[in-house]
């Protein structure tokens, strides 16, 4: 493993990146608002599972492809952005019944999980982040080989970002609980969650680099 000083610096840096509110936490909150706590938890799990593809890609050096072939990065980025926008539109225009919004709609948690895995797979910025971030904390002098250090640090990064997503889910669940007394809460929360996803998709599509 990396030297202890590098490992401590890595943990502090990762925590700062993970828990500063950003697109991943907004995504988890949006899925919670639109589908309830169970859907939000399954969405966070889906992002976590999808993140391991990027961990493996960084371990095997495949993330370099996005730097070597900018067109590949753009295609994947626009595909992910389009998927977020379509998914947000469907959530925002779905039925207005409260049953679906409290997370008990049939198949909603499973659907949130599957969609979130795909969202993470189609997010090249995650791959580029691993490629830029992890090499700063590996050491050629360490006993463990470089590929194992990449994998070890990548797993820790993925877990820490998922913990931050869970914080977002818990926070959004609190909002849900406080709004349950409103008769129109289901309709408006689905619209809010869907609008957040549309905004995230537009941001991803328009972001440079």
C-alpha atoms as a PDB file:
ATOM      1  CA  UNK A   1       0.000   0.000   0.000  1.00  0.00           C
ATOM      2  CA  UNK A   2       1.111   3.665  -0.352  1.00  0.00           C
ATOM      3  CA  UNK A   3       3.183   5.188   2.486  1.00  0.00           C
ATOM      4  CA  UNK A   4       1.126   6.318   5.485  1.00  0.00           C
ATOM      5  CA  UNK A   5       1.675  10.036   4.775  1.00  0.00           C
ATOM      6  CA  UNK A   6       0.380   9.616   1.225  1.00  0.00           C
ATOM      7  CA  UNK A   7      -2.547   7.564   2.482  1.00  0.00           C
ATOM      8  CA  UNK A   8      -3.555  10.223   5.020  1.00  0.00           C
ATOM      9  CA  UNK A   9      -3.322  12.954   2.370  1.00  0.00           C
ATOM     10  CA  UNK A  10      -5.416  10.786   0.056  1.00  0.00           C
ATOM     11  CA  UNK A  11      -8.152  10.211   2.658  1.00  0.00           C
ATOM     12  CA  UNK A  12      -8.401  13.910   3.509  1.00  0.00           C
ATOM     13  CA  UNK A  13      -8.470  14.965  -0.141  1.00  0.00           C
ATOM     14  CA  UNK A  14     -11.049  12.327  -1.057  1.00  0.00           C
ATOM     15  CA  UNK A  15     -13.317  13.333   1.821  1.00  0.00           C
ATOM     16  CA  UNK A  16     -13.157  16.971   0.711  1.00  0.00           C
ATOM     17  CA  UNK A  17     -14.060  16.063  -2.868  1.00  0.00           C
ATOM     18  CA  UNK A  18     -16.793  13.630  -1.806  1.00  0.00           C
ATOM     19  CA  UNK A  19     -18.677  15.718   0.727  1.00  0.00           C
ATOM     20  CA  UNK A  20     -18.631  19.054  -1.086  1.00  0.00           C
ATOM     21  CA  UNK A  21     -22.116  19.123  -2.688  1.00  0.00           C
ATOM     22  CA  UNK A  22     -21.873  18.387  -6.396  1.00  0.00           C
ATOM     23  CA  UNK A  23     -23.663  16.618  -9.266  1.00  0.00           C
ATOM     24  CA  UNK A  24     -23.500  13.142  -7.673  1.00  0.00           C
ATOM     25  CA  UNK A  25     -25.156  14.274  -4.442  1.00  0.00           C
ATOM     26  CA  UNK A  26     -27.741  16.275  -6.407  1.00  0.00           C
ATOM     27  CA  UNK A  27     -28.505  13.189  -8.474  1.00  0.00           C
ATOM     28  CA  UNK A  28     -29.073  11.065  -5.362  1.00  0.00           C
ATOM     29  CA  UNK A  29     -31.277  13.776  -3.851  1.00  0.00           C
ATOM     30  CA  UNK A  30     -33.262  14.123  -7.074  1.00  0.00           C
ATOM     31  CA  UNK A  31     -33.989  10.392  -7.252  1.00  0.00           C
ATOM     32  CA  UNK A  32     -35.095  10.476  -3.612  1.00  0.00           C
ATOM     33  CA  UNK A  33     -37.421  13.424  -4.155  1.00  0.00           C
ATOM     34  CA  UNK A  34     -38.920  11.823  -7.241  1.00  0.00           C
ATOM     35  CA  UNK A  35     -39.229   8.224  -6.038  1.00  0.00           C
ATOM     36  CA  UNK A  36     -38.898   8.146  -2.260  1.00  0.00           C
ATOM     37  CA  UNK A  37     -36.210   6.953   0.140  1.00  0.00           C
ATOM     38  CA  UNK A  38     -35.988   3.379  -1.190  1.00  0.00           C
ATOM     39  CA  UNK A  39     -35.559   4.634  -4.737  1.00  0.00           C
ATOM     40  CA  UNK A  40     -32.898   7.073  -3.543  1.00  0.00           C
ATOM     41  CA  UNK A  41     -31.003   4.353  -1.692  1.00  0.00           C
ATOM     42  CA  UNK A  42     -31.128   2.057  -4.720  1.00  0.00           C
ATOM     43  CA  UNK A  43     -29.982   4.925  -6.943  1.00  0.00           C
ATOM     44  CA  UNK A  44     -26.995   5.511  -4.644  1.00  0.00           C
ATOM     45  CA  UNK A  45     -26.233   1.786  -4.766  1.00  0.00           C
ATOM     46  CA  UNK A  46     -26.480   1.818  -8.561  1.00  0.00           C
ATOM     47  CA  UNK A  47     -24.014   4.694  -8.822  1.00  0.00           C
ATOM     48  CA  UNK A  48     -21.713   2.832  -6.428  1.00  0.00           C
ATOM     49  CA  UNK A  49     -21.832  -0.375  -8.497  1.00  0.00           C
ATOM     50  CA  UNK A  50     -21.294   1.573 -11.728  1.00  0.00           C
ATOM     51  CA  UNK A  51     -18.334   3.311 -10.134  1.00  0.00           C
ATOM     52  CA  UNK A  52     -16.429   0.037  -9.962  1.00  0.00           C
ATOM     53  CA  UNK A  53     -16.273  -0.009 -13.752  1.00  0.00           C
ATOM     54  CA  UNK A  54     -14.313   3.237 -13.562  1.00  0.00           C
ATOM     55  CA  UNK A  55     -12.131   1.817 -10.781  1.00  0.00           C
ATOM     56  CA  UNK A  56     -11.249  -1.166 -12.970  1.00  0.00           C
ATOM     57  CA  UNK A  57     -10.710   1.096 -15.990  1.00  0.00           C
ATOM     58  CA  UNK A  58      -8.281   3.246 -14.013  1.00  0.00           C
ATOM     59  CA  UNK A  59      -6.527   0.135 -12.674  1.00  0.00           C
ATOM     60  CA  UNK A  60      -6.020  -1.209 -16.196  1.00  0.00           C
ATOM     61  CA  UNK A  61      -5.181   2.182 -17.677  1.00  0.00           C
ATOM     62  CA  UNK A  62      -8.262   2.252 -19.905  1.00  0.00           C
ATOM     63  CA  UNK A  63      -9.242   5.739 -18.723  1.00  0.00           C
ATOM     64  CA  UNK A  64      -6.339   7.078 -20.792  1.00  0.00           C
ATOM     65  CA  UNK A  65      -8.558   6.434 -23.824  1.00  0.00           C
ATOM     66  CA  UNK A  66     -10.629   9.521 -23.041  1.00  0.00           C
ATOM     67  CA  UNK A  67      -7.504  11.694 -23.161  1.00  0.00           C
ATOM     68  CA  UNK A  68      -6.083   9.985 -26.239  1.00  0.00           C
ATOM     69  CA  UNK A  69      -9.369  10.041 -28.199  1.00  0.00           C
ATOM     70  CA  UNK A  70     -11.335  13.205 -27.307  1.00  0.00           C
ATOM     71  CA  UNK A  71     -14.172  12.158 -29.634  1.00  0.00           C
ATOM     72  CA  UNK A  72     -14.801   9.081 -27.462  1.00  0.00           C
ATOM     73  CA  UNK A  73     -15.062  11.307 -24.391  1.00  0.00           C
ATOM     74  CA  UNK A  74     -17.533  13.623 -26.139  1.00  0.00           C
ATOM     75  CA  UNK A  75     -19.710  10.780 -27.428  1.00  0.00           C
ATOM     76  CA  UNK A  76     -19.975   9.124 -24.012  1.00  0.00           C
ATOM     77  CA  UNK A  77     -20.560  12.472 -22.289  1.00  0.00           C
ATOM     78  CA  UNK A  78     -23.383  13.477 -24.641  1.00  0.00           C
ATOM     79  CA  UNK A  79     -24.919  10.000 -24.375  1.00  0.00           C
ATOM     80  CA  UNK A  80     -24.949  10.269 -20.594  1.00  0.00           C
ATOM     81  CA  UNK A  81     -26.357  13.803 -20.729  1.00  0.00           C
ATOM     82  CA  UNK A  82     -29.153  12.749 -23.078  1.00  0.00           C
ATOM     83  CA  UNK A  83     -30.029   9.810 -20.842  1.00  0.00           C
ATOM     84  CA  UNK A  84     -30.253  12.074 -17.776  1.00  0.00           C
ATOM     85  CA  UNK A  85     -32.482  14.552 -19.600  1.00  0.00           C
ATOM     86  CA  UNK A  86     -34.846  11.850 -20.913  1.00  0.00           C
ATOM     87  CA  UNK A  87     -35.013  10.189 -17.500  1.00  0.00           C
ATOM     88  CA  UNK A  88     -35.689  13.551 -15.820  1.00  0.00           C
ATOM     89  CA  UNK A  89     -38.448  14.354 -18.296  1.00  0.00           C
ATOM     90  CA  UNK A  90     -40.125  11.008 -17.697  1.00  0.00           C
ATOM     91  CA  UNK A  91     -39.982  11.479 -13.935  1.00  0.00           C
ATOM     92  CA  UNK A  92     -41.302  15.034 -14.114  1.00  0.00           C
ATOM     93  CA  UNK A  93     -44.218  14.075 -16.369  1.00  0.00           C
ATOM     94  CA  UNK A  94     -45.090  10.763 -14.678  1.00  0.00           C
ATOM     95  CA  UNK A  95     -48.381  10.087 -12.891  1.00  0.00           C
ATOM     96  CA  UNK A  96     -49.201  12.330  -9.957  1.00  0.00           C
ATOM     97  CA  UNK A  97     -50.192   9.674  -7.423  1.00  0.00           C
ATOM     98  CA  UNK A  98     -48.471   9.794  -4.046  1.00  0.00           C
ATOM     99  CA  UNK A  99     -47.959   6.007  -4.002  1.00  0.00           C
ATOM    100  CA  UNK A 100     -45.246   6.170  -6.587  1.00  0.00           C
ATOM    101  CA  UNK A 101     -43.508   9.031  -4.891  1.00  0.00           C
ATOM    102  CA  UNK A 102     -43.155   7.376  -1.514  1.00  0.00           C
ATOM    103  CA  UNK A 103     -40.996   4.680  -3.043  1.00  0.00           C
ATOM    104  CA  UNK A 104     -43.623   1.927  -2.933  1.00  0.00           C
ATOM    105  CA  UNK A 105     -44.411   2.017  -6.645  1.00  0.00           C
ATOM    106  CA  UNK A 106     -43.889  -1.426  -8.121  1.00  0.00           C
ATOM    107  CA  UNK A 107     -40.425  -1.710  -9.625  1.00  0.00           C
ATOM    108  CA  UNK A 108     -39.404   1.863  -8.767  1.00  0.00           C
ATOM    109  CA  UNK A 109     -36.360   0.954  -6.587  1.00  0.00           C
ATOM    110  CA  UNK A 110     -35.176  -1.667  -9.108  1.00  0.00           C
ATOM    111  CA  UNK A 111     -35.611   0.800 -11.942  1.00  0.00           C
ATOM    112  CA  UNK A 112     -33.707   3.474  -9.998  1.00  0.00           C
ATOM    113  CA  UNK A 113     -30.843   1.011  -9.437  1.00  0.00           C
ATOM    114  CA  UNK A 114     -30.581  -0.068 -13.086  1.00  0.00           C
ATOM    115  CA  UNK A 115     -30.834   3.484 -14.409  1.00  0.00           C
ATOM    116  CA  UNK A 116     -28.215   4.725 -11.955  1.00  0.00           C
ATOM    117  CA  UNK A 117     -25.720   2.045 -12.939  1.00  0.00           C
ATOM    118  CA  UNK A 118     -26.104   3.179 -16.548  1.00  0.00           C
ATOM    119  CA  UNK A 119     -25.855   6.859 -15.608  1.00  0.00           C
ATOM    120  CA  UNK A 120     -22.539   6.219 -13.874  1.00  0.00           C
ATOM    121  CA  UNK A 121     -21.204   4.093 -16.731  1.00  0.00           C
ATOM    122  CA  UNK A 122     -22.038   6.916 -19.157  1.00  0.00           C
ATOM    123  CA  UNK A 123     -20.239   9.537 -17.070  1.00  0.00           C
ATOM    124  CA  UNK A 124     -16.740   9.950 -18.520  1.00  0.00           C
ATOM    125  CA  UNK A 125     -15.938  12.667 -15.997  1.00  0.00           C
ATOM    126  CA  UNK A 126     -15.716   9.961 -13.330  1.00  0.00           C
ATOM    127  CA  UNK A 127     -13.142   8.085 -15.410  1.00  0.00           C
ATOM    128  CA  UNK A 128     -11.120  11.248 -15.990  1.00  0.00           C
ATOM    129  CA  UNK A 129     -11.312  12.124 -12.283  1.00  0.00           C
ATOM    130  CA  UNK A 130      -9.829   8.758 -11.325  1.00  0.00           C
ATOM    131  CA  UNK A 131      -7.153   9.174 -13.980  1.00  0.00           C
ATOM    132  CA  UNK A 132      -6.154  12.619 -12.721  1.00  0.00           C
ATOM    133  CA  UNK A 133      -6.634  12.065  -8.982  1.00  0.00           C
ATOM    134  CA  UNK A 134      -5.317   8.613  -8.092  1.00  0.00           C
ATOM    135  CA  UNK A 135      -1.778   8.848  -9.583  1.00  0.00           C
ATOM    136  CA  UNK A 136      -0.950  11.579  -7.058  1.00  0.00           C
ATOM    137  CA  UNK A 137      -1.212   9.030  -4.239  1.00  0.00           C
ATOM    138  CA  UNK A 138       0.562   5.956  -5.589  1.00  0.00           C
ATOM    139  CA  UNK A 139       4.220   5.255  -4.975  1.00  0.00           C
ATOM    140  CA  UNK A 140       6.666   3.266  -7.091  1.00  0.00           C
ATOM    141  CA  UNK A 141       8.615   2.550  -3.885  1.00  0.00           C
ATOM    142  CA  UNK A 142       5.659   0.876  -2.148  1.00  0.00           C
ATOM    143  CA  UNK A 143       5.659  -2.905  -1.645  1.00  0.00           C
ATOM    144  CA  UNK A 144       2.345  -3.323  -3.484  1.00  0.00           C
ATOM    145  CA  UNK A 145       2.416  -3.092  -7.299  1.00  0.00           C
ATOM    146  CA  UNK A 146       1.031   0.049  -8.915  1.00  0.00           C
ATOM    147  CA  UNK A 147      -2.091  -1.676 -10.274  1.00  0.00           C
ATOM    148  CA  UNK A 148      -3.013  -2.881  -6.786  1.00  0.00           C
ATOM    149  CA  UNK A 149      -2.501   0.598  -5.341  1.00  0.00           C
ATOM    150  CA  UNK A 150      -4.757   2.046  -8.044  1.00  0.00           C
ATOM    151  CA  UNK A 151      -7.434  -0.538  -7.267  1.00  0.00           C
ATOM    152  CA  UNK A 152      -7.194  -0.083  -3.491  1.00  0.00           C
ATOM    153  CA  UNK A 153      -7.395   3.715  -3.684  1.00  0.00           C
ATOM    154  CA  UNK A 154     -10.155   3.534  -6.299  1.00  0.00           C
ATOM    155  CA  UNK A 155     -12.327   1.336  -4.079  1.00  0.00           C
ATOM    156  CA  UNK A 156     -11.873   3.704  -1.124  1.00  0.00           C
ATOM    157  CA  UNK A 157     -12.765   6.679  -3.338  1.00  0.00           C
ATOM    158  CA  UNK A 158     -15.885   4.963  -4.605  1.00  0.00           C
ATOM    159  CA  UNK A 159     -17.015   4.040  -1.090  1.00  0.00           C
ATOM    160  CA  UNK A 160     -16.437   7.546   0.242  1.00  0.00           C
ATOM    161  CA  UNK A 161     -18.374   9.180  -2.585  1.00  0.00           C
ATOM    162  CA  UNK A 162     -21.206   6.715  -1.962  1.00  0.00           C
ATOM    163  CA  UNK A 163     -21.285   7.715   1.703  1.00  0.00           C
ATOM    164  CA  UNK A 164     -21.742  11.309   0.576  1.00  0.00           C
ATOM    165  CA  UNK A 165     -24.595  10.179  -1.699  1.00  0.00           C
ATOM    166  CA  UNK A 166     -26.253   8.507   1.302  1.00  0.00           C
ATOM    167  CA  UNK A 167     -26.066  11.819   3.175  1.00  0.00           C
ATOM    168  CA  UNK A 168     -27.912  13.421   0.253  1.00  0.00           C
ATOM    169  CA  UNK A 169     -30.549  10.668   0.303  1.00  0.00           C
ATOM    170  CA  UNK A 170     -31.087  11.102   4.054  1.00  0.00           C
ATOM    171  CA  UNK A 171     -31.406  14.867   3.658  1.00  0.00           C
ATOM    172  CA  UNK A 172     -33.886  14.548   0.806  1.00  0.00           C
ATOM    173  CA  UNK A 173     -35.842  11.946   2.800  1.00  0.00           C
ATOM    174  CA  UNK A 174     -36.189  14.501   5.572  1.00  0.00           C
ATOM    175  CA  UNK A 175     -37.722  16.930   3.086  1.00  0.00           C
ATOM    176  CA  UNK A 176     -40.117  14.219   1.954  1.00  0.00           C
ATOM    177  CA  UNK A 177     -41.224  13.529   5.513  1.00  0.00           C
ATOM    178  CA  UNK A 178     -41.921  17.192   6.203  1.00  0.00           C
ATOM    179  CA  UNK A 179     -44.040  17.563   3.058  1.00  0.00           C
ATOM    180  CA  UNK A 180     -46.197  14.451   3.388  1.00  0.00           C
ATOM    181  CA  UNK A 181     -49.061  16.477   4.849  1.00  0.00           C
ATOM    182  CA  UNK A 182     -49.474  18.384   1.565  1.00  0.00           C
ATOM    183  CA  UNK A 183     -52.024  16.748  -0.789  1.00  0.00           C
ATOM    184  CA  UNK A 184     -50.062  17.701  -3.902  1.00  0.00           C
ATOM    185  CA  UNK A 185     -46.612  16.783  -2.578  1.00  0.00           C
ATOM    186  CA  UNK A 186     -46.226  13.757  -4.878  1.00  0.00           C
ATOM    187  CA  UNK A 187     -46.756  15.718  -8.063  1.00  0.00           C
ATOM    188  CA  UNK A 188     -44.455  18.576  -7.146  1.00  0.00           C
ATOM    189  CA  UNK A 189     -41.671  16.428  -5.737  1.00  0.00           C
ATOM    190  CA  UNK A 190     -41.571  14.304  -8.888  1.00  0.00           C
ATOM    191  CA  UNK A 191     -41.399  17.497 -10.903  1.00  0.00           C
ATOM    192  CA  UNK A 192     -38.615  18.845  -8.704  1.00  0.00           C
ATOM    193  CA  UNK A 193     -36.627  15.611  -8.916  1.00  0.00           C
ATOM    194  CA  UNK A 194     -37.117  15.347 -12.668  1.00  0.00           C
ATOM    195  CA  UNK A 195     -36.139  18.985 -13.176  1.00  0.00           C
ATOM    196  CA  UNK A 196     -32.935  18.419 -11.199  1.00  0.00           C
ATOM    197  CA  UNK A 197     -32.023  15.496 -13.449  1.00  0.00           C
ATOM    198  CA  UNK A 198     -32.737  17.562 -16.565  1.00  0.00           C
ATOM    199  CA  UNK A 199     -30.524  20.321 -15.192  1.00  0.00           C
ATOM    200  CA  UNK A 200     -27.724  17.868 -14.428  1.00  0.00           C
ATOM    201  CA  UNK A 201     -27.971  16.457 -17.954  1.00  0.00           C
ATOM    202  CA  UNK A 202     -27.822  19.931 -19.506  1.00  0.00           C
ATOM    203  CA  UNK A 203     -24.844  20.823 -17.305  1.00  0.00           C
ATOM    204  CA  UNK A 204     -22.993  17.688 -18.357  1.00  0.00           C
ATOM    205  CA  UNK A 205     -23.718  18.317 -22.049  1.00  0.00           C
ATOM    206  CA  UNK A 206     -22.582  21.962 -21.960  1.00  0.00           C
ATOM    207  CA  UNK A 207     -19.553  21.469 -19.704  1.00  0.00           C
ATOM    208  CA  UNK A 208     -16.230  21.711 -21.496  1.00  0.00           C
ATOM    209  CA  UNK A 209     -13.477  19.163 -20.867  1.00  0.00           C
END
